[in-house]
Amino acid sequence: MSKDQNKDEHEKSSALHTIIDRLALGPIWRKFFVRRVPKARWYYGDGATLLFLLGILIVTGFALGLMYSPSPETAYQSLVHITNVQAMGWFVRGLHYWSAGMMVVILLYHVFRHILLGGYLPPREGTWVIGVLMFFLVIINSYIGYTLRWDERSVYAIRVALNIFHRVPWIGDELVYFVQGGWTQGNATLSRLYTVHVMIVPILLLGLASYHLYLVVFHGVTTVPERVHPVETAEEQKELYDQLKHSKKEGETFFPYTMVESQIFAFVIFCIVLALTLTLGPQELMREANFTETSFPAEEWWFHWYSALVAYLPPQLTSWFYVGFPIALFLYLMLLPFVDHGANRGLRRRPLAVGLTVVVGLGLLSLTGLRLQSEWTAWPRAELAPLPQNTELTPSAQLGHTLFTKYSCFSCHALGGTGGKIGPELTRLTVRLSADELRHFISQPPQDVAMPAYGHRLSEDELKALVDFVLVAQTFPHKY
């Protein structure tokens, strides 16, 4: 190395030392960065990834908060402006949206990994409990987040949440009143949701994350020897951990070695989030919220499994499940380190935990698949509804044929054996409706019919065209 290079390195080191000294960062630097730690596997970077994603969500959330208007009269239009007009607004929304979804995925991976490895065993019970609190805060905030769009998906999410609160014994009505800020949804509802999402939960998360990180530094992570040999007590774990971190072969300095390795995991996840943002963009806004009409049931993709599970339960259990499942899951996770006092850690020594995790993981994926493919899911379709051969339509009916797909009618109603299964198949109606009956039904369906009202969605010409097409569709063969 030349003298000039030596001089440059010395100046850089001197500058870094000066900054650390002037800002009194020495204790923090020594405690968190230059400390010795046992070598860890690359997949231990999920914790650092969650912290990185939380940072992205906070930064993008601040940016969105500068442009978002938390009022029922202006919230939806402010998001339209952010997405379509504001410079890079679509990118910020997309980055926030996909970071939130990926955070839920990585969070589930983080929980499963610690269940598999026994990461909650002594002396890490406190670390686990703080982590469980953070887990539920993230889930709650990911749910509240998409209600702020104030579109039809928001209406559905708010109604589901209020329905759950209403089912809580003894205090259900009071909870609903408190959450929505009155006996009806409106200004107070959105204001409270916005405050919880932007202020209360982030503040709690930052406080808990800081303490969680402190406990991770203090107690360390599950090491390889812990996974190979039984560790009976907390004192035994601490002694083993100290031996490993001071070992030349098994230990290393956290900065830069362990820190860089954990950030590789975070960088890969960030690349995935960035790719999803650039290719798919933010979640598409549905029609503006309208509490007087039936809304489309469409939760975010990371809640698909829950929706499917509820749908497949016997009706008499649904009410209990809505309230009981979150409570049971919370109690199970909170009590797990106090019930399981085993000495075995690691995949090979915990067959019951491995089996349970595999079953739950496959269940989540299977239920998500059912939600995407089942007959009771009215996902929008891109293709036009099929017509019998040699069918000739009037210009008005041809427009109605296009609108039948555009407004997701084809997602609920089948024609000739093809299409959705939620509503009645139009080619198999026992009683055909007249033009006036169809017009009234499409504009404002009966309250007991799970169909959105289209009176305010369609122009007069569009409504007439859709009626003309359905009139003809009722005469098509049962199957073609």
Protein backbone atom coordinates (compact mmCIF):
# COMPACT_ATOMS: atom_id res chain seq x y z
CA MET A 1 0.00 0.00 0.00
CA SER A 2 1.38 3.41 -0.97
CA LYS A 3 1.88 6.33 1.41
CA ASP A 4 -1.04 8.20 -0.21
CA GLN A 5 -3.35 5.23 0.34
CA ASN A 6 -2.21 4.94 3.96
CA LYS A 7 -2.88 8.63 4.45
CA ASP A 8 -6.40 8.35 2.95
CA GLU A 9 -7.25 5.38 5.20
CA HIS A 10 -5.95 7.21 8.26
CA GLU A 11 -8.02 10.30 7.43
CA LYS A 12 -11.17 8.22 6.95
CA SER A 13 -10.58 6.42 10.25
CA SER A 14 -9.87 9.70 12.00
CA ALA A 15 -13.03 11.29 10.57
CA LEU A 16 -15.17 8.33 11.68
CA HIS A 17 -13.63 8.41 15.14
CA THR A 18 -14.30 12.15 15.39
CA ILE A 19 -17.97 11.74 14.44
CA ILE A 20 -18.43 8.91 16.96
CA ASP A 21 -16.71 10.94 19.68
CA ARG A 22 -18.53 14.23 19.06
CA LEU A 23 -21.94 12.59 18.99
CA ALA A 24 -21.12 10.39 22.02
CA LEU A 25 -21.88 7.26 20.00
CA GLY A 26 -19.01 5.27 21.47
CA PRO A 27 -21.09 3.12 23.88
CA ILE A 28 -23.68 2.43 21.19
CA TRP A 29 -21.00 1.65 18.62
CA ARG A 30 -19.22 -0.78 20.95
CA LYS A 31 -22.41 -2.40 22.25
CA PHE A 32 -24.19 -2.88 18.95
CA PHE A 33 -21.65 -2.88 16.12
CA VAL A 34 -18.19 -4.00 17.23
CA ARG A 35 -19.50 -6.64 19.61
CA ARG A 36 -18.58 -10.27 19.09
CA VAL A 37 -21.36 -12.65 18.07
CA PRO A 38 -21.53 -16.33 17.06
CA LYS A 39 -21.64 -16.86 13.31
CA ALA A 40 -25.20 -17.15 12.01
CA ARG A 41 -26.85 -18.57 8.90
CA TRP A 42 -27.95 -16.31 6.03
CA TYR A 43 -31.63 -17.01 6.68
CA TYR A 44 -31.32 -15.31 10.08
CA GLY A 45 -31.59 -12.05 8.16
CA ASP A 46 -35.40 -12.08 8.35
CA GLY A 47 -35.32 -9.94 11.49
CA ALA A 48 -33.15 -7.30 9.82
CA THR A 49 -35.45 -7.50 6.79
CA LEU A 50 -38.50 -6.75 8.92
CA LEU A 51 -36.74 -3.73 10.40
CA PHE A 52 -35.79 -2.58 6.89
CA LEU A 53 -39.37 -2.99 5.62
CA LEU A 54 -40.68 -1.10 8.64
CA GLY A 55 -38.34 1.75 7.70
CA ILE A 56 -39.65 1.76 4.12
CA LEU A 57 -43.25 1.81 5.36
CA ILE A 58 -42.56 4.73 7.69
CA VAL A 59 -40.77 6.78 5.01
CA THR A 60 -43.35 6.09 2.28
CA GLY A 61 -46.14 6.57 4.84
CA PHE A 62 -44.80 10.02 5.67
CA ALA A 63 -44.69 10.86 1.96
CA LEU A 64 -48.27 9.67 1.42
CA GLY A 65 -49.43 11.49 4.55
CA LEU A 66 -48.27 14.80 3.06
CA MET A 67 -50.66 14.33 0.14
CA TYR A 68 -53.49 12.24 1.66
CA SER A 69 -56.63 13.98 2.91
CA PRO A 70 -58.24 12.01 5.80
CA SER A 71 -61.81 13.11 5.14
CA PRO A 72 -64.61 10.98 3.62
CA GLU A 73 -65.31 13.77 1.12
CA THR A 74 -61.72 14.04 -0.14
CA ALA A 75 -59.83 10.85 0.83
CA TYR A 76 -60.62 8.91 -2.33
CA GLN A 77 -59.90 11.81 -4.67
CA SER A 78 -56.63 12.54 -2.89
CA LEU A 79 -55.51 8.97 -3.61
CA VAL A 80 -56.59 9.30 -7.23
CA HIS A 81 -54.49 12.46 -7.42
CA ILE A 82 -51.51 10.74 -5.77
CA THR A 83 -51.72 7.82 -8.17
CA ASN A 84 -52.46 9.59 -11.45
CA VAL A 85 -51.19 13.17 -11.08
CA GLN A 86 -48.57 13.52 -8.36
CA ALA A 87 -45.02 12.96 -9.60
CA MET A 88 -43.88 9.46 -8.57
CA GLY A 89 -47.06 9.13 -6.50
CA TRP A 90 -47.89 5.75 -8.02
CA PHE A 91 -44.40 4.54 -7.14
CA VAL A 92 -44.65 5.65 -3.51
CA ARG A 93 -48.09 4.02 -3.18
CA GLY A 94 -46.84 0.83 -4.80
CA LEU A 95 -43.73 0.67 -2.65
CA HIS A 96 -45.83 1.18 0.47
CA TYR A 97 -48.38 -1.43 -0.60
CA TRP A 98 -45.96 -4.19 -1.56
CA SER A 99 -43.71 -3.51 1.43
CA ALA A 100 -46.74 -4.00 3.69
CA GLY A 101 -47.67 -7.28 2.01
CA MET A 102 -44.11 -8.56 2.04
CA MET A 103 -43.77 -7.59 5.70
CA VAL A 104 -46.69 -9.87 6.56
CA VAL A 105 -45.09 -12.72 4.59
CA ILE A 106 -41.65 -12.29 6.19
CA LEU A 107 -43.27 -11.90 9.60
CA LEU A 108 -44.98 -15.28 9.21
CA TYR A 109 -41.65 -16.80 8.14
CA HIS A 110 -39.99 -15.19 11.17
CA VAL A 111 -42.58 -16.65 13.58
CA PHE A 112 -42.45 -20.10 11.99
CA ARG A 113 -38.66 -20.15 12.06
CA HIS A 114 -38.53 -19.43 15.76
CA ILE A 115 -41.18 -22.06 16.48
CA LEU A 116 -39.12 -24.58 14.50
CA LEU A 117 -35.85 -23.68 16.21
CA GLY A 118 -37.24 -23.09 19.69
CA GLY A 119 -36.32 -19.42 19.56
CA TYR A 120 -38.67 -18.68 22.47
CA LEU A 121 -36.93 -21.04 24.92
CA PRO A 122 -34.93 -19.65 27.88
CA PRO A 123 -33.60 -17.02 28.14
CA ARG A 124 -35.53 -15.54 25.20
CA GLU A 125 -39.09 -15.64 26.58
CA GLY A 126 -39.23 -11.84 26.83
CA THR A 127 -37.91 -11.45 23.29
CA TRP A 128 -40.70 -13.73 22.04
CA VAL A 129 -43.47 -11.94 23.98
CA ILE A 130 -42.43 -8.53 22.60
CA GLY A 131 -42.27 -10.09 19.13
CA VAL A 132 -45.82 -11.47 19.46
CA LEU A 133 -47.13 -8.02 20.40
CA MET A 134 -45.40 -6.60 17.32
CA PHE A 135 -46.84 -9.41 15.17
CA PHE A 136 -50.42 -8.46 16.02
CA LEU A 137 -49.74 -4.75 15.65
CA VAL A 138 -48.40 -5.34 12.13
CA ILE A 139 -51.45 -7.45 11.21
CA ILE A 140 -53.82 -4.83 12.61
CA ASN A 141 -52.07 -2.00 10.78
CA SER A 142 -51.95 -3.93 7.50
CA TYR A 143 -55.72 -4.34 7.81
CA ILE A 144 -56.41 -0.71 8.69
CA GLY A 145 -54.11 0.50 5.91
CA TYR A 146 -56.34 -0.48 3.04
CA THR A 147 -59.46 0.96 4.70
CA LEU A 148 -57.91 4.41 4.22
CA ARG A 149 -58.37 4.18 0.46
CA TRP A 150 -62.06 4.80 1.09
CA ASP A 151 -63.15 2.67 -1.83
CA GLU A 152 -65.47 -0.34 -1.93
CA ARG A 153 -62.76 -2.62 -0.57
CA SER A 154 -62.48 -0.27 2.40
CA VAL A 155 -66.23 -0.42 3.01
CA TYR A 156 -66.10 -4.20 3.04
CA ALA A 157 -63.10 -4.26 5.39
CA ILE A 158 -64.73 -1.80 7.80
CA ARG A 159 -67.96 -3.77 7.83
CA VAL A 160 -66.14 -7.03 8.52
CA ALA A 161 -64.21 -5.45 11.40
CA LEU A 162 -67.34 -3.87 12.89
CA ASN A 163 -69.15 -7.17 12.53
CA ILE A 164 -66.40 -8.86 14.56
CA PHE A 165 -66.56 -6.18 17.27
CA HIS A 166 -70.35 -6.44 17.34
CA ARG A 167 -70.11 -10.16 18.15
CA VAL A 168 -68.01 -9.59 21.28
CA PRO A 169 -70.22 -10.61 24.22
CA TRP A 170 -71.62 -7.90 26.53
CA ILE A 171 -69.65 -4.96 25.07
CA GLY A 172 -70.09 -5.49 21.33
CA ASP A 173 -72.30 -2.45 20.67
CA GLU A 174 -70.05 -0.19 22.74
CA LEU A 175 -66.99 -1.37 20.82
CA VAL A 176 -68.67 -0.65 17.49
CA TYR A 177 -69.67 2.81 18.71
CA PHE A 178 -66.11 3.51 19.89
CA VAL A 179 -64.41 2.26 16.72
CA GLN A 180 -66.62 4.09 14.23
CA GLY A 181 -67.00 7.20 16.40
CA GLY A 182 -70.79 7.10 16.54
CA TRP A 183 -73.73 5.03 15.42
CA THR A 184 -72.87 5.46 11.73
CA GLN A 185 -69.67 5.46 9.67
CA GLY A 186 -68.36 8.81 8.56
CA ASN A 187 -65.85 11.53 9.40
CA ALA A 188 -65.07 10.16 12.87
CA THR A 189 -64.56 6.63 11.46
CA LEU A 190 -61.95 7.65 8.91
CA SER A 191 -60.28 10.04 11.35
CA ARG A 192 -59.86 7.30 13.94
CA LEU A 193 -58.60 4.77 11.42
CA TYR A 194 -56.11 7.30 10.08
CA THR A 195 -54.85 8.20 13.56
CA VAL A 196 -54.39 4.58 14.55
CA HIS A 197 -52.64 3.69 11.30
CA VAL A 198 -50.35 6.72 11.06
CA MET A 199 -49.62 7.57 14.69
CA ILE A 200 -50.64 5.09 17.39
CA VAL A 201 -49.51 1.79 15.86
CA PRO A 202 -46.24 3.14 14.34
CA ILE A 203 -45.24 4.69 17.67
CA LEU A 204 -45.97 1.44 19.49
CA LEU A 205 -44.12 -0.54 16.83
CA LEU A 206 -41.04 1.65 17.02
CA GLY A 207 -40.95 1.41 20.80
CA LEU A 208 -41.44 -2.36 20.83
CA ALA A 209 -38.99 -2.86 17.94
CA SER A 210 -36.32 -0.94 19.84
CA TYR A 211 -36.81 -3.04 22.96
CA HIS A 212 -37.01 -6.23 20.89
CA LEU A 213 -33.71 -5.34 19.22
CA TYR A 214 -32.16 -4.64 22.63
CA LEU A 215 -33.24 -8.10 23.85
CA VAL A 216 -31.85 -9.74 20.71
CA VAL A 217 -28.50 -8.04 21.34
CA PHE A 218 -28.57 -8.97 25.02
CA HIS A 219 -29.64 -12.63 24.66
CA GLY A 220 -28.42 -13.29 21.11
CA VAL A 221 -29.96 -15.53 18.47
CA THR A 222 -30.25 -19.32 18.41
CA THR A 223 -26.81 -20.72 17.63
CA VAL A 224 -25.87 -23.90 15.77
CA PRO A 225 -24.57 -25.75 18.89
CA GLU A 226 -27.88 -25.00 20.64
CA ARG A 227 -29.66 -26.76 17.81
CA VAL A 228 -27.40 -29.82 18.06
CA HIS A 229 -27.17 -30.38 21.80
CA PRO A 230 -29.87 -29.99 24.47
CA VAL A 231 -29.69 -26.77 26.49
CA GLU A 232 -31.46 -27.19 29.82
CA THR A 233 -31.28 -23.74 31.43
CA ALA A 234 -30.85 -20.07 30.62
CA GLU A 235 -27.51 -20.05 32.42
CA GLU A 236 -26.29 -22.91 30.25
CA GLN A 237 -27.36 -21.03 27.10
CA LYS A 238 -25.59 -17.84 28.19
CA GLU A 239 -22.38 -19.72 28.96
CA LEU A 240 -22.48 -21.48 25.59
CA TYR A 241 -23.21 -18.20 23.79
CA ASP A 242 -20.24 -16.47 25.45
CA GLN A 243 -17.93 -19.31 24.46
CA LEU A 244 -19.04 -19.17 20.84
CA LYS A 245 -18.80 -15.41 20.36
CA HIS A 246 -15.24 -15.31 21.71
CA SER A 247 -14.17 -18.32 19.64
CA LYS A 248 -11.90 -17.53 16.67
CA LYS A 249 -13.61 -20.20 14.59
CA GLU A 250 -17.26 -19.80 15.61
CA GLY A 251 -17.36 -16.08 16.42
CA GLU A 252 -17.10 -12.87 14.44
CA THR A 253 -17.57 -9.12 14.76
CA PHE A 254 -21.14 -8.02 14.11
CA PHE A 255 -19.96 -5.13 11.93
CA PRO A 256 -19.30 -5.64 9.12
CA TYR A 257 -19.57 -9.45 8.81
CA THR A 258 -22.89 -10.43 10.42
CA MET A 259 -24.52 -7.11 9.53
CA VAL A 260 -23.65 -7.36 5.85
CA GLU A 261 -24.78 -10.99 5.67
CA SER A 262 -28.15 -10.18 7.24
CA GLN A 263 -28.61 -7.22 4.89
CA ILE A 264 -28.19 -9.51 1.88
CA PHE A 265 -31.51 -11.11 2.86
CA ALA A 266 -33.06 -7.65 3.19
CA PHE A 267 -31.64 -6.57 -0.17
CA VAL A 268 -33.14 -9.58 -1.95
CA ILE A 269 -36.57 -8.90 -0.44
CA PHE A 270 -36.29 -5.22 -1.34
CA CYS A 271 -35.51 -6.18 -4.95
CA ILE A 272 -38.67 -8.31 -5.00
CA VAL A 273 -40.73 -5.44 -3.58
CA LEU A 274 -39.22 -3.04 -6.10
CA ALA A 275 -39.91 -5.43 -8.99
CA LEU A 276 -43.55 -5.85 -7.91
CA THR A 277 -43.92 -2.09 -7.61
CA LEU A 278 -42.49 -1.41 -11.05
CA THR A 279 -44.39 -4.21 -12.81
CA LEU A 280 -47.74 -4.28 -11.00
CA GLY A 281 -47.84 -0.84 -9.42
CA PRO A 282 -50.04 0.03 -6.45
CA GLN A 283 -53.28 -1.77 -5.67
CA GLU A 284 -55.98 -0.61 -8.06
CA LEU A 285 -58.59 1.65 -6.52
CA MET A 286 -62.11 0.31 -6.68
CA ARG A 287 -65.19 2.54 -6.86
CA GLU A 288 -65.41 5.25 -4.20
CA ALA A 289 -66.85 4.14 -0.84
CA ASN A 290 -70.63 4.21 -0.55
CA PHE A 291 -72.13 2.98 2.71
CA THR A 292 -75.67 2.89 1.31
CA GLU A 293 -74.93 0.14 -1.22
CA THR A 294 -73.60 -3.40 -1.08
CA SER A 295 -69.85 -3.47 -1.66
CA PHE A 296 -67.63 -6.02 -3.40
CA PRO A 297 -66.14 -8.52 -0.92
CA ALA A 298 -62.44 -8.27 -1.73
CA GLU A 299 -59.85 -8.37 1.04
CA GLU A 300 -56.12 -7.98 0.42
CA TRP A 301 -54.21 -11.05 -0.74
CA TRP A 302 -52.47 -11.64 2.56
CA PHE A 303 -55.90 -12.20 4.20
CA HIS A 304 -57.24 -14.60 1.54
CA TRP A 305 -56.62 -17.66 3.73
CA TYR A 306 -58.72 -16.23 6.56
CA SER A 307 -61.63 -15.43 4.27
CA ALA A 308 -61.52 -18.96 2.84
CA LEU A 309 -61.40 -20.55 6.28
CA VAL A 310 -64.43 -18.60 7.44
CA ALA A 311 -66.34 -19.49 4.27
CA TYR A 312 -65.77 -23.23 4.73
CA LEU A 313 -66.78 -23.29 8.40
CA PRO A 314 -70.29 -24.43 9.37
CA PRO A 315 -72.52 -21.34 9.64
CA GLN A 316 -73.24 -21.98 13.32
CA LEU A 317 -69.52 -21.68 14.11
CA THR A 318 -68.80 -18.55 12.12
CA SER A 319 -69.89 -16.08 14.80
CA TRP A 320 -67.71 -17.74 17.42
CA PHE A 321 -64.77 -18.09 15.08
CA TYR A 322 -64.65 -14.41 14.13
CA VAL A 323 -64.09 -13.44 17.75
CA GLY A 324 -62.50 -16.58 19.14
CA PHE A 325 -59.78 -17.27 16.60
CA PRO A 326 -57.76 -14.04 17.03
CA ILE A 327 -58.02 -14.34 20.81
CA ALA A 328 -57.03 -18.02 20.79
CA LEU A 329 -54.07 -17.35 18.46
CA PHE A 330 -52.87 -14.47 20.65
CA LEU A 331 -53.08 -16.54 23.83
CA TYR A 332 -51.37 -19.52 22.20
CA LEU A 333 -48.42 -17.48 20.99
CA MET A 334 -48.10 -15.50 24.22
CA LEU A 335 -48.19 -18.60 26.45
CA LEU A 336 -46.01 -20.79 24.22
CA PRO A 337 -42.66 -20.02 25.94
CA PHE A 338 -44.23 -20.59 29.36
CA VAL A 339 -45.79 -23.92 28.41
CA ASP A 340 -42.91 -25.39 26.38
CA HIS A 341 -39.85 -25.63 28.63
CA GLY A 342 -38.07 -28.27 26.57
CA ALA A 343 -34.31 -28.39 26.16
CA ASN A 344 -34.36 -29.30 22.47
CA ARG A 345 -33.84 -26.65 19.81
CA GLY A 346 -33.45 -27.08 16.06
CA LEU A 347 -35.39 -28.88 13.35
CA ARG A 348 -34.14 -32.41 14.00
CA ARG A 349 -34.88 -32.29 17.70
CA ARG A 350 -38.39 -30.80 17.46
CA PRO A 351 -40.51 -33.13 15.28
CA LEU A 352 -43.81 -31.94 16.78
CA ALA A 353 -43.03 -28.29 16.02
CA VAL A 354 -41.90 -29.22 12.50
CA GLY A 355 -45.09 -31.19 11.86
CA LEU A 356 -47.31 -28.41 13.20
CA THR A 357 -45.53 -25.75 11.16
CA VAL A 358 -45.73 -27.79 7.96
CA VAL A 359 -49.45 -28.42 8.46
CA VAL A 360 -50.17 -24.75 9.20
CA GLY A 361 -48.01 -23.55 6.30
CA LEU A 362 -49.69 -25.91 3.82
CA GLY A 363 -53.06 -24.92 5.23
CA LEU A 364 -52.39 -21.23 4.64
CA LEU A 365 -51.28 -21.86 1.06
CA SER A 366 -54.20 -24.23 0.35
CA LEU A 367 -56.81 -21.85 1.76
CA THR A 368 -55.31 -18.99 -0.24
CA GLY A 369 -55.56 -21.11 -3.37
CA LEU A 370 -59.18 -21.96 -2.60
CA ARG A 371 -59.98 -18.29 -2.16
CA LEU A 372 -58.54 -17.57 -5.58
CA GLN A 373 -60.21 -20.46 -7.39
CA SER A 374 -63.40 -21.34 -5.54
CA GLU A 375 -66.84 -20.90 -6.99
CA TRP A 376 -67.86 -18.42 -4.30
CA THR A 377 -65.11 -15.97 -5.26
CA ALA A 378 -66.18 -13.35 -7.81
CA TRP A 379 -62.79 -12.32 -9.15
CA PRO A 380 -62.99 -9.93 -12.12
CA ARG A 381 -62.65 -11.59 -15.50
CA ALA A 382 -60.93 -10.13 -18.53
CA GLU A 383 -62.58 -12.23 -21.23
CA LEU A 384 -66.01 -11.44 -22.65
CA ALA A 385 -68.89 -13.75 -21.82
CA PRO A 386 -69.21 -16.43 -24.54
CA LEU A 387 -72.10 -16.27 -26.97
CA PRO A 388 -73.83 -19.11 -28.84
CA GLN A 389 -72.70 -19.59 -32.42
CA ASN A 390 -74.26 -17.33 -35.04
CA THR A 391 -75.67 -15.00 -32.38
CA GLU A 392 -76.48 -11.53 -33.68
CA LEU A 393 -76.83 -8.65 -31.24
CA THR A 394 -78.21 -5.19 -31.71
CA PRO A 395 -75.68 -2.34 -31.22
CA SER A 396 -77.16 -1.66 -27.79
CA ALA A 397 -76.93 -5.34 -26.77
CA GLN A 398 -73.35 -5.49 -28.10
CA LEU A 399 -72.43 -2.62 -25.76
CA GLY A 400 -74.23 -4.47 -22.97
CA HIS A 401 -72.16 -7.58 -23.73
CA THR A 402 -69.00 -5.55 -23.09
CA LEU A 403 -70.44 -3.96 -19.95
CA PHE A 404 -71.43 -7.40 -18.65
CA THR A 405 -67.73 -8.17 -18.30
CA LYS A 406 -66.53 -4.65 -17.48
CA TYR A 407 -68.74 -4.42 -14.39
CA SER A 408 -67.93 -7.98 -13.25
CA CYS A 409 -71.41 -9.39 -13.96
CA PHE A 410 -69.68 -12.32 -15.67
CA SER A 411 -67.73 -12.96 -12.45
CA CYS A 412 -70.97 -13.77 -10.59
CA HIS A 413 -73.38 -14.96 -13.29
CA ALA A 414 -72.71 -17.75 -15.76
CA LEU A 415 -73.90 -17.96 -19.36
CA GLY A 416 -74.26 -21.32 -21.04
CA GLY A 417 -72.28 -23.10 -18.30
CA THR A 418 -69.37 -20.61 -18.25
CA GLY A 419 -68.79 -17.87 -15.68
CA GLY A 420 -69.22 -17.23 -11.96
CA LYS A 421 -71.27 -19.39 -9.62
CA ILE A 422 -72.33 -16.84 -7.02
CA GLY A 423 -75.43 -15.48 -8.72
CA PRO A 424 -78.03 -17.45 -10.71
CA GLU A 425 -77.02 -18.61 -14.17
CA LEU A 426 -78.86 -16.33 -16.60
CA THR A 427 -79.45 -19.06 -19.17
CA ARG A 428 -81.18 -21.28 -16.56
CA LEU A 429 -83.61 -18.83 -14.97
CA THR A 430 -86.95 -20.45 -14.19
CA VAL A 431 -88.70 -17.09 -14.48
CA ARG A 432 -87.44 -14.60 -17.03
CA LEU A 433 -87.46 -10.96 -16.00
CA SER A 434 -88.91 -8.16 -18.09
CA ALA A 435 -86.96 -5.09 -19.15
CA ASP A 436 -88.48 -2.99 -16.34
CA GLU A 437 -87.80 -5.71 -13.75
CA LEU A 438 -84.20 -6.06 -14.91
CA ARG A 439 -83.72 -2.30 -14.88
CA HIS A 440 -84.96 -2.04 -11.30
CA PHE A 441 -83.02 -5.12 -10.14
CA ILE A 442 -79.73 -3.93 -11.63
CA SER A 443 -80.18 -0.39 -10.31
CA GLN A 444 -81.06 -1.40 -6.75
CA PRO A 445 -81.13 -5.13 -5.88
CA PRO A 446 -83.16 -6.28 -2.86
CA GLN A 447 -81.34 -6.00 0.48
CA ASP A 448 -81.14 -9.78 0.90
CA VAL A 449 -79.30 -10.16 -2.45
CA ALA A 450 -75.48 -10.10 -2.32
CA MET A 451 -75.12 -7.88 -5.36
CA PRO A 452 -73.89 -4.28 -5.64
CA ALA A 453 -76.32 -1.61 -6.76
CA TYR A 454 -75.42 -0.25 -10.19
CA GLY A 455 -77.85 2.67 -10.33
CA HIS A 456 -75.10 5.21 -9.69
CA ARG A 457 -72.42 3.31 -11.60
CA LEU A 458 -74.06 3.24 -15.01
CA SER A 459 -75.22 6.02 -17.27
CA GLU A 460 -78.74 5.77 -18.71
CA ASP A 461 -77.37 4.49 -22.02
CA GLU A 462 -75.18 1.90 -20.27
CA LEU A 463 -78.05 0.70 -18.11
CA LYS A 464 -80.30 0.32 -21.18
CA ALA A 465 -77.53 -1.55 -23.04
CA LEU A 466 -76.95 -3.95 -20.14
CA VAL A 467 -80.68 -4.62 -19.84
CA ASP A 468 -80.90 -5.29 -23.58
CA PHE A 469 -78.08 -7.81 -23.39
CA VAL A 470 -79.48 -9.66 -20.36
CA LEU A 471 -82.89 -9.83 -22.05
CA VAL A 472 -81.26 -11.64 -24.97
CA ALA A 473 -78.99 -13.75 -22.73
CA GLN A 474 -82.03 -15.19 -20.93
CA THR A 475 -83.02 -16.82 -24.25
CA PHE A 476 -79.66 -18.53 -24.86
CA PRO A 477 -79.42 -22.34 -24.62
CA HIS A 478 -78.68 -23.81 -21.16
CA LYS A 479 -75.27 -24.98 -22.35
CA TYR A 480 -73.27 -24.14 -25.45
